[in-house]
Amino acid sequence: MASITFHGAAGEVTGSCFLVEHAGARIVVDCGMFQGSRESRDHNFADLPFRGADVHAVVLTHAHIDHTGLLPKLAADGYRGRIHATEGTRKLSEVMLPDSARIQETDAERRSKYRKRRGDAAVQPLYTEADAGRALQLYSAHGFDEWFRVLTGARARYWRAGHILGAASIELELSNESGGVKRIVFSGDVGPTPDPLLPDPQPPEAADFLLLESTYGDRDHKSMADTLEELAQAMRAADASGGNLLVPVFAVGRAQMILWAISKLEREGRVKPRPVVLDSPMGIDVTDLYRPVAEESIRPRDVSFTRSVQDSIQLNQARNTTILAASGMCDAGRILHHLKHHLWKDETQMVIAGYQAQGSLGRQIVDGAREVRVMGDQVAVRARLHTLGGFSAHAGRSGLLAWYAAIRGKPAQVALVHGEERQRAALAAALESQHGARVLQPVRGQTVELD
């Protein structure tokens, strides 16, 4: 008998973490950080739902922090097994996990300073760079479409998922002494088709039980052609107003997509070249990893890259500049400084080009807040907002249904994960009516027994 316990991304998008138990073995699929609201982020500081020393193997879908961000905490808690990943995921993790650790340490230092002034005890970071280093030492990289041993009685292989560099769906095969086999598929985050930077997602051949993402289970994205025109309009508006164009980006995937889009618009003569700055050290490192695999240029004509804090500060005086900075939901990183200095200006243009989790600063701005709190200060929202619907790294509703339909041995039972309630309820209805699937909508902490 095998079971799956949903420890995250169940009724919510972030915090991906699933515990598979089989024949005395405990396999963790993804170990991600919760993002979005303060309540969600605070959950990261709770005890892990399992002891690191009690876990026998970890298998990852991809490198985004909401899928890998608690691995350093797991390593600090005594985990010493292997962390299985694709080569692309390993390379990205070498950039992202130390960066995440530095953010944790900096945040703890800042909070401790304020607490000490009140006479309170200092706070400890969620984890340190040393913890991130310990986790990275446990990585084992694998290619796509090749079986690898996870544990005795458990093997897995990776299928391309699009989404970001190295992202994969996992086919996990569990076997017992009597020769019985159970095949569980974890979709991970399924990318759109087509994607100008990455190969199309490749569904697995068969599954007995499927965990399917549902981030956009209730709608499709705008076409790429329409989205490119929306970006062009935002750039033209910035030219007309003389203000800066602020673009919050995820350092992995979204930053590279926006650079590609600006480059394409310039090459086609649809916008005037203007200074473009990628203000994200991690985004710069990731862009270097993308260049060898990207099929088209991701370098606008007048682009520069700022690594140092001092160069980032100088952007406070920038004019007529397109500034790409992390984070994509405006809840951390250098974008906060740019919002603080430019969000209140009428001439500023702001592009939102991705999903904004409930409770995030980006979600507040998209929902029409006239004033928001940024780095402790109340800031008026006077910038003109442009929301783009087609740059998502996730497949829309039709793409998810097509991905499911392409599985030759269609799984009769599906658990929808990585989606808020409305989105996954809509996808569940479609899977049931169109394919006759039995659909579960698990909640955090729920365990499902697999016969």
Protein backbone atom coordinates (compact mmCIF):
# COMPACT_ATOMS: atom_id res chain seq x y z
CA MET A 1 0.00 0.00 0.00
CA ALA A 2 1.30 3.45 -0.94
CA SER A 3 0.06 6.85 0.15
CA ILE A 4 0.51 10.51 -0.68
CA THR A 5 0.24 13.31 1.87
CA PHE A 6 -0.25 16.84 0.57
CA HIS A 7 1.89 19.18 2.66
CA GLY A 8 1.58 22.23 0.39
CA ALA A 9 0.19 23.56 -2.90
CA ALA A 10 -3.18 22.08 -1.89
CA GLY A 11 -5.85 24.75 -2.28
CA GLU A 12 -3.01 27.25 -2.79
CA VAL A 13 -0.40 27.84 -5.47
CA THR A 14 2.87 27.83 -3.53
CA GLY A 15 4.60 25.58 -0.98
CA SER A 16 4.83 22.52 -3.23
CA CYS A 17 5.54 19.47 -1.06
CA PHE A 18 4.21 15.93 -1.31
CA LEU A 19 5.21 12.95 0.84
CA VAL A 20 5.01 9.52 -0.79
CA GLU A 21 5.18 6.55 1.60
CA HIS A 22 5.69 3.06 0.24
CA ALA A 23 7.05 -0.15 1.80
CA GLY A 24 8.59 1.73 4.71
CA ALA A 25 10.24 4.34 2.44
CA ARG A 26 9.51 8.06 2.55
CA ILE A 27 10.01 10.04 -0.65
CA VAL A 28 9.46 13.81 -0.72
CA VAL A 29 8.50 15.34 -4.07
CA ASP A 30 9.43 19.04 -3.99
CA CYS A 31 10.11 20.94 -0.79
CA GLY A 32 9.00 24.45 -1.57
CA MET A 33 8.58 27.72 0.23
CA PHE A 34 5.19 29.33 0.81
CA GLN A 35 4.88 32.75 -0.83
CA GLY A 36 2.34 35.53 -0.99
CA SER A 37 0.60 36.77 2.16
CA ARG A 38 2.37 37.24 5.49
CA GLU A 39 0.38 34.31 6.86
CA SER A 40 1.67 32.10 4.05
CA ARG A 41 5.26 33.23 4.53
CA ASP A 42 5.04 32.71 8.29
CA HIS A 43 4.18 29.05 7.61
CA ASN A 44 7.77 28.59 6.41
CA PHE A 45 8.98 29.05 9.98
CA ALA A 46 6.82 26.25 11.35
CA ASP A 47 8.39 22.85 11.91
CA LEU A 48 8.64 20.74 8.80
CA PRO A 49 5.83 18.14 8.62
CA PHE A 50 8.49 15.40 8.72
CA ARG A 51 11.94 15.08 10.22
CA GLY A 52 14.77 15.47 7.74
CA ALA A 53 16.51 12.39 9.12
CA ASP A 54 13.36 10.31 8.47
CA VAL A 55 13.19 11.11 4.74
CA HIS A 56 14.92 8.66 2.39
CA ALA A 57 14.88 10.54 -0.94
CA VAL A 58 13.82 13.84 -2.54
CA VAL A 59 12.76 14.26 -6.17
CA LEU A 60 12.29 17.74 -7.64
CA THR A 61 10.14 18.99 -10.52
CA HIS A 62 12.00 22.29 -11.03
CA ALA A 63 14.02 25.03 -9.37
CA HIS A 64 11.47 27.73 -8.50
CA ILE A 65 11.69 28.63 -4.82
CA ASP A 66 8.08 27.58 -4.17
CA HIS A 67 9.28 24.07 -5.15
CA THR A 68 12.80 24.04 -3.65
CA GLY A 69 12.99 26.87 -1.13
CA LEU A 70 12.82 24.74 2.04
CA LEU A 71 15.51 22.26 0.99
CA PRO A 72 18.16 24.10 3.04
CA LYS A 73 15.87 23.82 6.06
CA LEU A 74 15.46 20.10 5.35
CA ALA A 75 19.25 19.70 5.15
CA ALA A 76 19.65 21.62 8.42
CA ASP A 77 17.13 19.21 9.96
CA GLY A 78 19.36 16.23 9.21
CA TYR A 79 18.45 15.12 5.71
CA ARG A 80 21.42 13.37 4.07
CA GLY A 81 19.85 11.45 1.17
CA ARG A 82 19.96 12.36 -2.50
CA ILE A 83 18.08 15.26 -4.10
CA HIS A 84 17.20 14.13 -7.61
CA ALA A 85 16.80 16.81 -10.29
CA THR A 86 17.41 17.54 -13.96
CA GLU A 87 20.69 19.15 -14.93
CA GLY A 88 18.92 22.45 -15.63
CA THR A 89 17.29 22.39 -12.20
CA ARG A 90 20.65 21.69 -10.56
CA LYS A 91 22.28 24.65 -12.33
CA LEU A 92 19.45 27.01 -11.43
CA SER A 93 19.42 25.79 -7.82
CA GLU A 94 23.10 26.65 -7.52
CA VAL A 95 22.08 30.25 -8.20
CA MET A 96 18.71 30.39 -6.44
CA LEU A 97 19.21 28.61 -3.12
CA PRO A 98 22.24 30.69 -1.99
CA ASP A 99 20.37 33.82 -3.09
CA SER A 100 17.33 32.76 -1.07
CA ALA A 101 19.57 32.12 1.94
CA ARG A 102 21.12 35.58 1.68
CA ILE A 103 17.62 37.08 1.65
CA GLN A 104 16.74 35.09 4.80
CA GLU A 105 19.90 36.22 6.58
CA THR A 106 19.46 39.85 5.56
CA ASP A 107 15.81 39.85 6.60
CA ALA A 108 16.65 38.30 9.98
CA GLU A 109 19.38 40.88 10.53
CA ARG A 110 17.00 43.73 9.72
CA ARG A 111 14.24 42.37 11.96
CA SER A 112 16.70 41.75 14.78
CA LYS A 113 17.89 45.35 14.65
CA TYR A 114 14.36 46.65 15.20
CA ARG A 115 13.65 44.04 17.90
CA LYS A 116 16.80 44.93 19.84
CA ARG A 117 15.68 48.57 19.94
CA ARG A 118 12.54 47.38 21.73
CA GLY A 119 14.54 45.16 24.04
CA ASP A 120 13.38 41.94 22.35
CA ALA A 121 15.55 38.98 21.43
CA ALA A 122 17.11 38.70 17.99
CA VAL A 123 15.48 36.42 15.41
CA GLN A 124 17.21 33.61 13.56
CA PRO A 125 17.08 33.31 9.76
CA LEU A 126 14.92 30.60 8.24
CA TYR A 127 18.22 29.11 7.03
CA THR A 128 21.72 30.21 6.12
CA GLU A 129 24.01 30.08 3.10
CA ALA A 130 25.80 27.19 4.80
CA ASP A 131 22.50 25.28 4.91
CA ALA A 132 21.96 26.01 1.21
CA GLY A 133 25.45 24.72 0.48
CA ARG A 134 24.72 21.49 2.35
CA ALA A 135 21.55 20.98 0.33
CA LEU A 136 23.34 21.59 -2.99
CA GLN A 137 25.92 18.93 -2.15
CA LEU A 138 23.10 16.36 -2.12
CA TYR A 139 21.94 16.98 -5.71
CA SER A 140 22.08 14.21 -8.31
CA ALA A 141 21.35 15.32 -11.89
CA HIS A 142 19.54 13.23 -14.50
CA GLY A 143 18.56 13.60 -18.13
CA PHE A 144 15.05 13.58 -19.55
CA ASP A 145 13.32 10.32 -20.51
CA GLU A 146 15.75 8.06 -18.68
CA TRP A 147 14.89 5.90 -15.69
CA PHE A 148 16.90 6.38 -12.50
CA ARG A 149 16.79 4.56 -9.19
CA VAL A 150 15.28 6.51 -6.33
CA LEU A 151 15.21 3.74 -3.72
CA THR A 152 14.72 0.00 -3.68
CA GLY A 153 11.31 -0.55 -5.26
CA ALA A 154 11.10 3.00 -6.59
CA ARG A 155 12.38 4.45 -9.83
CA ALA A 156 11.58 7.65 -11.74
CA ARG A 157 12.08 9.46 -15.00
CA TYR A 158 11.67 13.04 -16.13
CA TRP A 159 9.47 14.40 -18.92
CA ARG A 160 9.94 17.93 -20.28
CA ALA A 161 7.42 20.36 -18.78
CA GLY A 162 8.43 23.64 -20.44
CA HIS A 163 7.79 26.36 -17.82
CA ILE A 164 11.46 27.22 -17.02
CA LEU A 165 14.88 25.83 -17.79
CA GLY A 166 15.12 22.23 -16.57
CA ALA A 167 11.48 21.96 -15.49
CA ALA A 168 10.03 18.46 -15.59
CA SER A 169 7.07 16.28 -14.86
CA ILE A 170 7.94 13.26 -12.73
CA GLU A 171 6.88 9.72 -13.48
CA LEU A 172 7.39 7.78 -10.24
CA GLU A 173 7.03 4.00 -10.45
CA LEU A 174 6.56 2.02 -7.22
CA SER A 175 6.81 -1.78 -7.23
CA ASN A 176 6.19 -4.43 -4.58
CA GLU A 177 7.54 -7.92 -3.95
CA SER A 178 4.61 -9.58 -5.73
CA GLY A 179 5.34 -7.72 -8.95
CA GLY A 180 2.64 -5.08 -8.63
CA VAL A 181 3.43 -1.62 -10.00
CA LYS A 182 1.88 1.75 -9.21
CA ARG A 183 2.72 4.69 -11.46
CA ILE A 184 2.29 8.19 -10.01
CA VAL A 185 2.81 11.29 -12.15
CA PHE A 186 3.54 14.76 -10.73
CA SER A 187 2.93 17.31 -13.47
CA GLY A 188 4.99 20.01 -11.81
CA ASP A 189 4.28 23.34 -13.47
CA VAL A 190 3.28 22.78 -17.10
CA GLY A 191 4.45 25.46 -19.49
CA PRO A 192 2.54 27.03 -22.40
CA THR A 193 2.63 25.84 -25.99
CA PRO A 194 4.42 27.24 -27.89
CA ASP A 195 7.17 28.86 -25.83
CA PRO A 196 9.72 31.06 -27.66
CA LEU A 197 12.52 30.03 -25.29
CA LEU A 198 11.86 26.38 -24.38
CA PRO A 199 10.69 23.08 -25.94
CA ASP A 200 7.01 22.22 -25.63
CA PRO A 201 5.81 20.17 -22.63
CA GLN A 202 5.89 16.40 -23.14
CA PRO A 203 3.16 14.45 -21.30
CA PRO A 204 4.10 11.06 -19.84
CA GLU A 205 2.85 7.90 -21.48
CA ALA A 206 0.64 6.64 -18.66
CA ALA A 207 -0.26 7.14 -15.01
CA ASP A 208 -2.38 5.41 -12.38
CA PHE A 209 -2.62 8.55 -10.26
CA LEU A 210 -1.91 12.10 -11.40
CA LEU A 211 -1.14 15.26 -9.46
CA LEU A 212 -1.97 18.04 -11.92
CA GLU A 213 -1.30 21.73 -11.49
CA SER A 214 -4.30 24.07 -11.81
CA THR A 215 -2.86 27.58 -11.48
CA TYR A 216 -4.89 28.79 -14.47
CA GLY A 217 -7.52 26.08 -14.47
CA ASP A 218 -10.35 28.56 -15.04
CA ARG A 219 -9.08 30.55 -18.01
CA ASP A 220 -6.76 30.78 -20.98
CA HIS A 221 -4.10 33.39 -21.53
CA LYS A 222 -4.19 36.04 -24.19
CA SER A 223 -2.36 35.20 -27.39
CA MET A 224 1.33 36.03 -27.62
CA ALA A 225 0.57 38.43 -30.48
CA ASP A 226 -1.90 40.39 -28.34
CA THR A 227 0.44 40.35 -25.36
CA LEU A 228 3.36 41.68 -27.38
CA GLU A 229 1.15 44.52 -28.57
CA GLU A 230 0.14 45.29 -24.97
CA LEU A 231 3.81 45.51 -24.01
CA ALA A 232 4.47 47.73 -27.01
CA GLN A 233 1.65 50.05 -25.91
CA ALA A 234 3.13 50.27 -22.40
CA MET A 235 6.53 51.15 -23.84
CA ARG A 236 5.00 53.78 -26.11
CA ALA A 237 3.11 55.24 -23.14
CA ALA A 238 6.39 55.50 -21.24
CA ASP A 239 7.97 57.27 -24.21
CA ALA A 240 5.06 59.73 -24.30
CA SER A 241 5.02 60.42 -20.55
CA GLY A 242 8.80 60.60 -20.19
CA GLY A 243 8.63 58.32 -17.17
CA ASN A 244 10.18 55.03 -16.26
CA LEU A 245 8.60 51.69 -17.07
CA LEU A 246 8.73 49.39 -14.03
CA VAL A 247 8.46 45.65 -14.64
CA PRO A 248 8.47 43.35 -11.59
CA VAL A 249 9.89 40.04 -12.78
CA PHE A 250 10.67 36.62 -11.49
CA ALA A 251 14.42 36.26 -11.94
CA VAL A 252 13.92 32.83 -13.48
CA GLY A 253 11.85 32.64 -16.64
CA ARG A 254 9.90 35.89 -16.57
CA ALA A 255 12.95 38.18 -16.78
CA GLN A 256 14.24 36.27 -19.81
CA MET A 257 10.80 36.28 -21.46
CA ILE A 258 10.46 40.07 -21.10
CA LEU A 259 13.97 40.61 -22.47
CA TRP A 260 13.05 38.43 -25.45
CA ALA A 261 9.80 40.35 -26.01
CA ILE A 262 11.48 43.77 -25.91
CA SER A 263 14.19 42.54 -28.27
CA LYS A 264 11.58 41.20 -30.68
CA LEU A 265 9.57 44.44 -30.65
CA GLU A 266 12.74 46.43 -31.34
CA ARG A 267 13.82 44.14 -34.19
CA GLU A 268 10.40 44.46 -35.80
CA GLY A 269 10.45 48.25 -35.46
CA ARG A 270 7.30 48.33 -33.34
CA VAL A 271 8.90 50.33 -30.51
CA LYS A 272 11.76 52.78 -30.28
CA PRO A 273 14.84 51.38 -28.55
CA ARG A 274 15.07 52.76 -25.02
CA PRO A 275 17.44 51.96 -22.14
CA VAL A 276 16.59 48.64 -20.52
CA VAL A 277 18.10 47.59 -17.18
CA LEU A 278 17.93 44.16 -15.61
CA ASP A 279 18.40 45.03 -11.94
CA SER A 280 18.72 41.56 -10.48
CA PRO A 281 22.01 39.75 -9.81
CA MET A 282 20.24 36.41 -9.84
CA GLY A 283 18.32 37.33 -12.98
CA ILE A 284 21.62 38.16 -14.69
CA ASP A 285 23.11 34.79 -13.74
CA VAL A 286 20.00 32.96 -14.94
CA THR A 287 19.99 34.90 -18.23
CA ASP A 288 23.52 33.62 -18.83
CA LEU A 289 22.19 30.06 -18.39
CA TYR A 290 19.31 30.67 -20.80
CA ARG A 291 21.36 32.12 -23.66
CA PRO A 292 22.78 28.78 -24.91
CA VAL A 293 19.30 27.22 -25.14
CA ALA A 294 17.13 30.19 -26.20
CA GLU A 295 16.13 29.97 -29.85
CA GLU A 296 15.82 33.74 -30.26
CA SER A 297 17.66 36.79 -28.97
CA ILE A 298 17.07 37.85 -25.37
CA ARG A 299 19.25 40.95 -25.58
CA PRO A 300 17.56 44.31 -26.35
CA ARG A 301 19.64 46.88 -28.21
CA ASP A 302 20.42 49.16 -25.23
CA VAL A 303 20.45 46.77 -22.29
CA SER A 304 22.57 46.91 -19.16
CA PHE A 305 22.87 44.69 -16.11
CA THR A 306 23.24 45.97 -12.54
CA ARG A 307 24.74 43.68 -9.93
CA SER A 308 25.92 46.06 -7.23
CA VAL A 309 23.66 47.76 -4.71
CA GLN A 310 25.25 51.11 -5.60
CA ASP A 311 24.35 50.74 -9.28
CA SER A 312 20.82 49.82 -8.27
CA ILE A 313 20.55 52.92 -6.09
CA GLN A 314 21.64 55.06 -9.04
CA LEU A 315 18.50 53.95 -10.85
CA ASN A 316 16.51 56.10 -8.43
CA GLN A 317 17.55 58.99 -10.67
CA ALA A 318 16.81 57.17 -13.94
CA ARG A 319 14.52 58.70 -16.54
CA ASN A 320 12.90 57.19 -19.64
CA THR A 321 14.22 53.78 -18.63
CA THR A 322 12.67 50.33 -18.56
CA ILE A 323 13.63 48.70 -15.25
CA LEU A 324 13.21 44.95 -14.74
CA ALA A 325 13.69 43.94 -11.11
CA ALA A 326 12.75 41.07 -8.83
CA SER A 327 10.55 39.98 -7.27
CA GLY A 328 7.67 39.20 -9.58
CA MET A 329 4.99 39.61 -6.89
CA CYS A 330 6.59 42.79 -5.47
CA ASP A 331 6.97 41.15 -2.05
CA ALA A 332 10.78 41.35 -1.80
CA GLY A 333 13.91 42.37 -3.68
CA ARG A 334 15.02 45.47 -5.53
CA ILE A 335 11.65 46.18 -7.15
CA LEU A 336 10.50 47.49 -3.76
CA HIS A 337 13.04 50.32 -3.91
CA HIS A 338 11.91 51.29 -7.41
CA LEU A 339 8.26 51.23 -6.36
CA LYS A 340 9.05 53.42 -3.39
CA HIS A 341 10.75 56.00 -5.63
CA HIS A 342 8.49 55.89 -8.69
CA LEU A 343 5.06 54.36 -7.95
CA TRP A 344 3.67 57.70 -6.77
CA LYS A 345 4.62 59.55 -9.98
CA ASP A 346 1.96 60.16 -12.62
CA GLU A 347 4.44 59.66 -15.47
CA THR A 348 5.51 56.20 -14.30
CA GLN A 349 4.22 53.17 -16.20
CA MET A 350 4.08 49.76 -14.51
CA VAL A 351 3.73 46.39 -16.19
CA ILE A 352 2.40 43.36 -14.33
CA ALA A 353 3.28 40.33 -16.40
CA GLY A 354 2.58 37.36 -14.18
CA TYR A 355 0.55 35.70 -11.47
CA GLN A 356 0.11 37.68 -8.24
CA ALA A 357 -0.65 35.55 -5.18
CA GLN A 358 -3.35 36.57 -2.72
CA GLY A 359 -1.91 38.93 -0.11
CA SER A 360 1.11 39.96 -2.18
CA LEU A 361 1.90 43.62 -2.82
CA GLY A 362 1.55 43.01 -6.55
CA ARG A 363 -1.96 41.63 -6.00
CA GLN A 364 -2.91 44.76 -4.02
CA ILE A 365 -1.78 46.98 -6.87
CA VAL A 366 -3.58 44.88 -9.50
CA ASP A 367 -6.74 44.92 -7.38
CA GLY A 368 -6.75 48.73 -7.54
CA ALA A 369 -5.28 49.86 -4.22
CA ARG A 370 -4.75 53.62 -4.24
CA GLU A 371 -2.11 53.45 -1.53
CA VAL A 372 0.19 50.61 -0.50
CA ARG A 373 2.80 50.02 2.14
CA VAL A 374 6.31 49.70 0.68
CA MET A 375 9.30 49.11 2.95
CA GLY A 376 7.49 50.60 5.92
CA ASP A 377 6.17 53.68 4.14
CA GLN A 378 2.74 54.45 2.72
CA VAL A 379 3.08 55.16 -1.00
CA ALA A 380 0.37 56.48 -3.31
CA VAL A 381 -0.32 54.44 -6.45
CA ARG A 382 -0.40 56.96 -9.30
CA ALA A 383 1.54 55.02 -11.90
CA ARG A 384 -0.43 53.80 -14.89
CA LEU A 385 -0.84 50.03 -14.65
CA HIS A 386 -0.60 47.66 -17.64
CA THR A 387 -1.47 44.01 -16.98
CA LEU A 388 -0.27 41.53 -19.59
CA GLY A 389 -2.05 38.22 -19.94
CA GLY A 390 0.13 36.12 -22.22
CA PHE A 391 3.60 35.93 -20.68
CA SER A 392 2.70 33.31 -18.11
CA ALA A 393 5.10 30.40 -17.73
CA HIS A 394 2.04 28.22 -16.99
CA ALA A 395 -0.31 26.57 -19.44
CA GLY A 396 -3.83 27.95 -19.43
CA ARG A 397 -7.01 25.90 -19.01
CA SER A 398 -7.03 24.58 -22.59
CA GLY A 399 -3.34 23.72 -22.41
CA LEU A 400 -3.80 21.73 -19.21
CA LEU A 401 -6.75 19.81 -20.66
CA ALA A 402 -4.78 19.08 -23.84
CA TRP A 403 -1.78 17.91 -21.78
CA TYR A 404 -4.04 15.53 -19.84
CA ALA A 405 -5.72 14.27 -23.00
CA ALA A 406 -2.31 13.48 -24.54
CA ILE A 407 -1.50 10.94 -21.82
CA ARG A 408 -2.17 7.66 -23.65
CA GLY A 409 -3.00 5.74 -20.50
CA LYS A 410 -5.20 8.45 -19.05
CA PRO A 411 -5.26 8.34 -15.25
CA ALA A 412 -8.75 7.81 -13.92
CA GLN A 413 -7.91 9.58 -10.68
CA VAL A 414 -6.52 13.11 -10.58
CA ALA A 415 -5.57 15.33 -7.64
CA LEU A 416 -5.54 19.01 -8.51
CA VAL A 417 -2.76 21.00 -6.87
CA HIS A 418 -1.02 24.36 -7.32
CA GLY A 419 -4.24 26.33 -7.66
CA GLU A 420 -6.58 28.51 -5.66
CA GLU A 421 -10.07 27.17 -5.05
CA ARG A 422 -11.88 28.85 -7.94
CA GLN A 423 -9.26 27.83 -10.49
CA ARG A 424 -9.06 24.19 -9.55
CA ALA A 425 -12.82 23.83 -9.13
CA ALA A 426 -13.26 24.98 -12.74
CA LEU A 427 -10.61 22.57 -14.00
CA ALA A 428 -12.10 19.72 -11.97
CA ALA A 429 -15.48 20.27 -13.62
CA ALA A 430 -13.90 20.19 -17.07
CA LEU A 431 -11.91 17.00 -16.38
CA GLU A 432 -15.00 15.27 -15.05
CA SER A 433 -17.32 16.31 -17.87
CA GLN A 434 -14.89 15.94 -20.78
CA HIS A 435 -12.84 12.94 -19.68
CA GLY A 436 -14.80 11.20 -16.93
CA ALA A 437 -11.93 11.56 -14.50
CA ARG A 438 -12.39 11.19 -10.75
CA VAL A 439 -10.99 14.43 -9.40
CA LEU A 440 -9.75 15.15 -5.88
CA GLN A 441 -9.23 18.63 -4.52
CA PRO A 442 -7.00 17.89 -1.51
CA VAL A 443 -6.30 20.22 1.38
CA ARG A 444 -3.03 20.68 3.20
CA GLY A 445 -2.30 17.74 5.49
CA GLN A 446 -4.66 15.32 3.71
CA THR A 447 -3.45 11.79 2.99
CA VAL A 448 -4.68 9.68 0.07
CA GLU A 449 -4.20 5.91 0.10
CA LEU A 450 -3.34 4.33 -3.24
CA ASP A 451 -4.66 0.79 -3.63
